[in-house]
Amino acid sequence: MSGEHRMSEMTQEEALRLADALVGQALKETEARCSVLAQFIDECDRAGSQTAAWSEALRELHALHDYRSGLMRRHSLIQEALDCLVGESPTQAPLPPPPNRTVLRPQQQVQVQARRRRS
């Protein structure tokens, strides 16, 4: 239960940093697996032995390349979001509400059009 409570207290920056760490870890694991598969495929190619295991390794390598591309896109988006958060100035005051005149103009125009329709 304390874990759930902690999650609700997590700031946006903390959540993004956690996501960044998780995506970074997934990228490392994916790249390590790709390296092992590529080495296996290379050894099979050199031995001229294109077995079912070679075909399966090739399929997995292609799938992992697609997965890695998705992780790289996520990583990039997380980095952009973190850059935006770090670039934000906490001292900026919220914009004041628009003056009332801008709100009244459209209503007056609608009333004028309504009167014209009646006549």
N, C-alpha and C. Protein backbone atom coordinates (compact mmCIF):
# COMPACT_ATOMS: atom_id res chain seq x y z
N MET A 1 0.83 -1.19 0.00
CA MET A 1 0.00 0.00 0.00
C MET A 1 0.87 1.25 0.00
N SER A 2 1.99 1.22 0.72
CA SER A 2 2.88 2.39 0.75
C SER A 2 3.44 2.66 -0.65
N GLY A 3 3.63 1.61 -1.46
CA GLY A 3 4.10 1.80 -2.83
C GLY A 3 3.11 2.56 -3.67
N GLU A 4 1.83 2.25 -3.50
CA GLU A 4 0.78 2.97 -4.24
C GLU A 4 0.75 4.43 -3.81
N HIS A 5 0.87 4.66 -2.50
CA HIS A 5 0.85 6.03 -1.99
C HIS A 5 2.03 6.81 -2.56
N ARG A 6 3.20 6.17 -2.62
CA ARG A 6 4.41 6.82 -3.14
C ARG A 6 4.21 7.19 -4.61
N MET A 7 3.59 6.32 -5.38
CA MET A 7 3.37 6.59 -6.80
C MET A 7 2.49 7.83 -6.99
N SER A 8 1.50 8.01 -6.12
CA SER A 8 0.61 9.16 -6.27
C SER A 8 1.34 10.46 -5.93
N GLU A 9 2.41 10.36 -5.12
CA GLU A 9 3.18 11.55 -4.76
C GLU A 9 4.29 11.85 -5.77
N MET A 10 4.53 10.94 -6.69
CA MET A 10 5.62 11.10 -7.65
C MET A 10 5.36 12.31 -8.55
N THR A 11 6.37 13.15 -8.72
CA THR A 11 6.23 14.30 -9.61
C THR A 11 6.35 13.85 -11.05
N GLN A 12 5.96 14.73 -11.96
CA GLN A 12 6.06 14.41 -13.38
C GLN A 12 7.52 14.15 -13.76
N GLU A 13 8.43 14.95 -13.22
CA GLU A 13 9.84 14.76 -13.55
C GLU A 13 10.36 13.42 -13.03
N GLU A 14 9.96 13.04 -11.82
CA GLU A 14 10.38 11.74 -11.27
C GLU A 14 9.85 10.60 -12.13
N ALA A 15 8.59 10.71 -12.55
CA ALA A 15 7.99 9.67 -13.40
C ALA A 15 8.73 9.57 -14.73
N LEU A 16 9.07 10.71 -15.31
CA LEU A 16 9.80 10.70 -16.57
C LEU A 16 11.20 10.12 -16.39
N ARG A 17 11.85 10.43 -15.28
CA ARG A 17 13.20 9.89 -15.03
C ARG A 17 13.14 8.37 -14.83
N LEU A 18 12.09 7.90 -14.16
CA LEU A 18 11.91 6.45 -13.98
C LEU A 18 11.67 5.79 -15.35
N ALA A 19 10.80 6.38 -16.15
CA ALA A 19 10.53 5.85 -17.49
C ALA A 19 11.80 5.84 -18.33
N ASP A 20 12.60 6.90 -18.22
CA ASP A 20 13.85 6.99 -18.95
C ASP A 20 14.80 5.86 -18.55
N ALA A 21 14.88 5.60 -17.24
CA ALA A 21 15.75 4.52 -16.74
C ALA A 21 15.27 3.15 -17.24
N LEU A 22 13.94 2.95 -17.21
CA LEU A 22 13.38 1.66 -17.66
C LEU A 22 13.61 1.44 -19.15
N VAL A 23 13.40 2.49 -19.95
CA VAL A 23 13.62 2.37 -21.39
C VAL A 23 15.11 2.16 -21.67
N GLY A 24 15.96 2.87 -20.92
CA GLY A 24 17.41 2.69 -21.07
C GLY A 24 17.83 1.26 -20.78
N GLN A 25 17.27 0.68 -19.73
CA GLN A 25 17.57 -0.71 -19.37
C GLN A 25 17.08 -1.67 -20.46
N ALA A 26 15.87 -1.44 -20.96
CA ALA A 26 15.32 -2.29 -22.02
C ALA A 26 16.18 -2.20 -23.28
N LEU A 27 16.69 -1.00 -23.58
CA LEU A 27 17.57 -0.83 -24.74
C LEU A 27 18.86 -1.63 -24.57
N LYS A 28 19.46 -1.57 -23.38
CA LYS A 28 20.70 -2.32 -23.13
C LYS A 28 20.47 -3.82 -23.29
N GLU A 29 19.37 -4.32 -22.71
CA GLU A 29 19.07 -5.75 -22.80
C GLU A 29 18.81 -6.16 -24.24
N THR A 30 18.07 -5.33 -24.98
CA THR A 30 17.75 -5.64 -26.38
C THR A 30 19.02 -5.65 -27.22
N GLU A 31 19.88 -4.65 -27.00
CA GLU A 31 21.12 -4.58 -27.78
C GLU A 31 22.05 -5.75 -27.46
N ALA A 32 22.06 -6.17 -26.19
CA ALA A 32 22.89 -7.33 -25.81
C ALA A 32 22.39 -8.59 -26.51
N ARG A 33 21.06 -8.77 -26.54
CA ARG A 33 20.47 -9.95 -27.20
C ARG A 33 20.74 -9.89 -28.71
N CYS A 34 20.63 -8.70 -29.30
CA CYS A 34 20.91 -8.54 -30.73
C CYS A 34 22.36 -8.93 -31.04
N SER A 35 23.26 -8.54 -30.16
CA SER A 35 24.68 -8.85 -30.35
C SER A 35 24.93 -10.36 -30.34
N VAL A 36 24.29 -11.05 -29.39
CA VAL A 36 24.42 -12.51 -29.29
C VAL A 36 23.85 -13.18 -30.55
N LEU A 37 22.67 -12.73 -30.97
CA LEU A 37 22.04 -13.31 -32.16
C LEU A 37 22.87 -13.06 -33.41
N ALA A 38 23.39 -11.83 -33.55
CA ALA A 38 24.20 -11.49 -34.73
C ALA A 38 25.46 -12.35 -34.78
N GLN A 39 26.06 -12.58 -33.63
CA GLN A 39 27.27 -13.42 -33.57
C GLN A 39 26.93 -14.86 -33.98
N PHE A 40 25.79 -15.38 -33.48
CA PHE A 40 25.36 -16.74 -33.82
C PHE A 40 25.10 -16.86 -35.33
N ILE A 41 24.39 -15.88 -35.87
CA ILE A 41 24.06 -15.88 -37.31
C ILE A 41 25.34 -15.83 -38.14
N ASP A 42 26.29 -14.97 -37.71
CA ASP A 42 27.57 -14.83 -38.42
C ASP A 42 28.34 -16.15 -38.42
N GLU A 43 28.36 -16.83 -37.27
CA GLU A 43 29.07 -18.12 -37.18
C GLU A 43 28.42 -19.17 -38.07
N CYS A 44 27.09 -19.17 -38.11
CA CYS A 44 26.38 -20.12 -39.00
C CYS A 44 26.70 -19.83 -40.46
N ASP A 45 26.72 -18.53 -40.80
CA ASP A 45 27.02 -18.14 -42.19
C ASP A 45 28.42 -18.59 -42.59
N ARG A 46 29.38 -18.41 -41.69
CA ARG A 46 30.77 -18.80 -41.99
C ARG A 46 30.89 -20.31 -42.15
N ALA A 47 30.10 -21.06 -41.38
CA ALA A 47 30.13 -22.52 -41.46
C ALA A 47 29.27 -23.03 -42.61
N GLY A 48 28.53 -22.12 -43.25
CA GLY A 48 27.65 -22.51 -44.35
C GLY A 48 26.50 -23.38 -43.88
N SER A 49 26.09 -23.17 -42.62
CA SER A 49 25.05 -24.02 -42.04
C SER A 49 23.82 -23.16 -41.70
N GLN A 50 22.88 -23.14 -42.64
CA GLN A 50 21.65 -22.35 -42.44
C GLN A 50 20.52 -23.27 -41.98
N THR A 51 20.53 -23.55 -40.70
CA THR A 51 19.59 -24.49 -40.09
C THR A 51 18.31 -23.77 -39.65
N ALA A 52 17.41 -24.53 -39.04
CA ALA A 52 16.18 -23.96 -38.49
C ALA A 52 16.53 -22.97 -37.37
N ALA A 53 17.57 -23.27 -36.58
CA ALA A 53 18.00 -22.37 -35.50
C ALA A 53 18.51 -21.05 -36.09
N TRP A 54 19.21 -21.12 -37.23
CA TRP A 54 19.70 -19.92 -37.92
C TRP A 54 18.51 -19.08 -38.38
N SER A 55 17.49 -19.72 -38.97
CA SER A 55 16.29 -19.00 -39.44
C SER A 55 15.57 -18.33 -38.28
N GLU A 56 15.44 -19.05 -37.16
CA GLU A 56 14.76 -18.51 -35.98
C GLU A 56 15.54 -17.33 -35.40
N ALA A 57 16.86 -17.45 -35.38
CA ALA A 57 17.70 -16.36 -34.87
C ALA A 57 17.56 -15.12 -35.75
N LEU A 58 17.49 -15.34 -37.05
CA LEU A 58 17.33 -14.23 -38.00
C LEU A 58 16.00 -13.53 -37.80
N ARG A 59 14.92 -14.33 -37.63
CA ARG A 59 13.58 -13.77 -37.38
C ARG A 59 13.57 -12.95 -36.09
N GLU A 60 14.18 -13.52 -35.04
CA GLU A 60 14.21 -12.82 -33.74
C GLU A 60 15.01 -11.53 -33.85
N LEU A 61 16.12 -11.57 -34.58
CA LEU A 61 16.95 -10.38 -34.74
C LEU A 61 16.17 -9.26 -35.44
N HIS A 62 15.43 -9.60 -36.49
CA HIS A 62 14.61 -8.60 -37.19
C HIS A 62 13.54 -8.02 -36.27
N ALA A 63 12.89 -8.89 -35.50
CA ALA A 63 11.85 -8.44 -34.56
C ALA A 63 12.45 -7.52 -33.49
N LEU A 64 13.65 -7.89 -33.00
CA LEU A 64 14.31 -7.07 -31.98
C LEU A 64 14.75 -5.72 -32.54
N HIS A 65 15.14 -5.68 -33.80
CA HIS A 65 15.50 -4.40 -34.42
C HIS A 65 14.28 -3.47 -34.44
N ASP A 66 13.10 -4.01 -34.79
CA ASP A 66 11.87 -3.21 -34.77
C ASP A 66 11.55 -2.74 -33.35
N TYR A 67 11.68 -3.66 -32.39
CA TYR A 67 11.42 -3.32 -30.98
C TYR A 67 12.38 -2.24 -30.51
N ARG A 68 13.66 -2.36 -30.90
CA ARG A 68 14.67 -1.38 -30.52
C ARG A 68 14.34 -0.01 -31.11
N SER A 69 13.86 0.02 -32.36
CA SER A 69 13.48 1.29 -32.98
C SER A 69 12.37 1.97 -32.18
N GLY A 70 11.39 1.19 -31.73
CA GLY A 70 10.30 1.72 -30.90
C GLY A 70 10.82 2.26 -29.58
N LEU A 71 11.76 1.52 -28.96
CA LEU A 71 12.36 1.98 -27.71
C LEU A 71 13.13 3.29 -27.92
N MET A 72 13.84 3.39 -29.04
CA MET A 72 14.61 4.60 -29.33
C MET A 72 13.68 5.80 -29.49
N ARG A 73 12.51 5.59 -30.15
CA ARG A 73 11.53 6.68 -30.30
C ARG A 73 11.01 7.11 -28.93
N ARG A 74 10.67 6.12 -28.08
CA ARG A 74 10.19 6.43 -26.73
C ARG A 74 11.25 7.19 -25.94
N HIS A 75 12.49 6.70 -26.03
CA HIS A 75 13.59 7.33 -25.31
C HIS A 75 13.74 8.79 -25.73
N SER A 76 13.64 9.03 -27.02
CA SER A 76 13.75 10.39 -27.56
C SER A 76 12.63 11.28 -27.04
N LEU A 77 11.39 10.76 -27.02
CA LEU A 77 10.24 11.53 -26.53
C LEU A 77 10.38 11.85 -25.04
N ILE A 78 10.86 10.88 -24.27
CA ILE A 78 11.06 11.08 -22.83
C ILE A 78 12.12 12.15 -22.61
N GLN A 79 13.21 12.08 -23.40
CA GLN A 79 14.28 13.08 -23.28
C GLN A 79 13.74 14.49 -23.59
N GLU A 80 12.92 14.59 -24.66
CA GLU A 80 12.32 15.88 -25.01
C GLU A 80 11.44 16.40 -23.87
N ALA A 81 10.64 15.52 -23.29
CA ALA A 81 9.75 15.92 -22.19
C ALA A 81 10.58 16.38 -20.99
N LEU A 82 11.66 15.66 -20.69
CA LEU A 82 12.53 16.06 -19.58
C LEU A 82 13.19 17.41 -19.86
N ASP A 83 13.62 17.62 -21.11
CA ASP A 83 14.23 18.90 -21.48
C ASP A 83 13.24 20.04 -21.29
N CYS A 84 11.99 19.80 -21.66
CA CYS A 84 10.94 20.83 -21.50
C CYS A 84 10.73 21.14 -20.02
N LEU A 85 10.67 20.10 -19.18
CA LEU A 85 10.46 20.30 -17.75
C LEU A 85 11.61 21.08 -17.14
N VAL A 86 12.84 20.72 -17.50
CA VAL A 86 14.02 21.39 -16.96
C VAL A 86 14.05 22.84 -17.45
N GLY A 87 13.58 23.08 -18.68
CA GLY A 87 13.59 24.43 -19.25
C GLY A 87 12.50 25.33 -18.73
N GLU A 88 11.50 24.76 -18.06
CA GLU A 88 10.39 25.57 -17.55
C GLU A 88 10.85 26.39 -16.37
N SER A 89 10.36 27.62 -16.29
CA SER A 89 10.68 28.47 -15.16
C SER A 89 9.54 28.42 -14.16
N PRO A 90 9.80 27.97 -12.92
CA PRO A 90 8.72 27.86 -11.94
C PRO A 90 8.21 29.22 -11.47
N THR A 91 8.95 30.30 -11.77
CA THR A 91 8.54 31.63 -11.30
C THR A 91 7.54 32.30 -12.25
N GLN A 92 7.30 31.72 -13.40
CA GLN A 92 6.35 32.34 -14.35
C GLN A 92 4.95 32.36 -13.75
N ALA A 93 4.35 33.55 -13.76
CA ALA A 93 2.99 33.69 -13.25
C ALA A 93 2.01 33.23 -14.33
N PRO A 94 0.85 32.70 -13.92
CA PRO A 94 -0.14 32.32 -14.93
C PRO A 94 -0.65 33.56 -15.66
N LEU A 95 -1.06 33.37 -16.89
CA LEU A 95 -1.57 34.50 -17.68
C LEU A 95 -2.85 35.03 -17.05
N PRO A 96 -3.05 36.35 -17.07
CA PRO A 96 -4.29 36.89 -16.52
C PRO A 96 -5.47 36.51 -17.42
N PRO A 97 -6.69 36.47 -16.88
CA PRO A 97 -7.83 36.15 -17.73
C PRO A 97 -8.03 37.25 -18.76
N PRO A 98 -8.58 36.93 -19.93
CA PRO A 98 -8.79 37.96 -20.96
C PRO A 98 -9.78 39.01 -20.46
N PRO A 99 -9.63 40.25 -20.92
CA PRO A 99 -10.58 41.29 -20.49
C PRO A 99 -12.00 40.95 -20.93
N ASN A 100 -12.99 41.47 -20.21
CA ASN A 100 -14.40 41.16 -20.47
C ASN A 100 -14.85 41.61 -21.85
N ARG A 101 -14.25 42.67 -22.38
CA ARG A 101 -14.70 43.19 -23.69
C ARG A 101 -14.62 42.13 -24.77
N THR A 102 -13.56 41.30 -24.77
CA THR A 102 -13.42 40.28 -25.81
C THR A 102 -14.53 39.23 -25.70
N VAL A 103 -15.04 39.03 -24.48
CA VAL A 103 -16.12 38.06 -24.29
C VAL A 103 -17.44 38.64 -24.77
N LEU A 104 -17.65 39.94 -24.56
CA LEU A 104 -18.93 40.57 -24.91
C LEU A 104 -19.12 40.71 -26.42
N ARG A 105 -18.06 40.97 -27.16
CA ARG A 105 -18.21 41.21 -28.59
C ARG A 105 -18.95 40.09 -29.33
N PRO A 106 -18.55 38.82 -29.17
CA PRO A 106 -19.28 37.78 -29.91
C PRO A 106 -20.75 37.71 -29.51
N GLN A 107 -21.06 37.93 -28.23
CA GLN A 107 -22.46 37.89 -27.79
C GLN A 107 -23.26 39.02 -28.45
N GLN A 108 -22.67 40.22 -28.51
CA GLN A 108 -23.36 41.35 -29.14
C GLN A 108 -23.62 41.07 -30.61
N GLN A 109 -22.64 40.48 -31.29
CA GLN A 109 -22.82 40.16 -32.71
C GLN A 109 -23.96 39.16 -32.90
N VAL A 110 -24.03 38.17 -32.02
CA VAL A 110 -25.10 37.17 -32.11
C VAL A 110 -26.45 37.86 -31.91
N GLN A 111 -26.54 38.77 -30.93
CA GLN A 111 -27.81 39.47 -30.66
C GLN A 111 -28.21 40.33 -31.86
N VAL A 112 -27.23 41.00 -32.50
CA VAL A 112 -27.53 41.82 -33.67
C VAL A 112 -28.06 40.96 -34.80
N GLN A 113 -27.42 39.81 -35.02
CA GLN A 113 -27.88 38.90 -36.09
C GLN A 113 -29.29 38.39 -35.78
N ALA A 114 -29.56 38.12 -34.54
CA ALA A 114 -30.88 37.60 -34.15
C ALA A 114 -31.95 38.65 -34.42
N ARG A 115 -31.65 39.91 -34.13
CA ARG A 115 -32.62 40.99 -34.38
C ARG A 115 -32.90 41.12 -35.87
N ARG A 116 -31.86 41.02 -36.68
CA ARG A 116 -32.03 41.15 -38.13
C ARG A 116 -32.93 40.06 -38.68
N ARG A 117 -32.80 38.86 -38.13
CA ARG A 117 -33.62 37.75 -38.62
C ARG A 117 -35.09 37.99 -38.32
N ARG A 118 -35.39 38.59 -37.18
CA ARG A 118 -36.79 38.83 -36.81
C ARG A 118 -37.46 39.84 -37.75
N SER A 119 -36.72 40.84 -38.19
CA SER A 119 -37.37 41.90 -39.00
C SER A 119 -37.52 41.56 -40.44
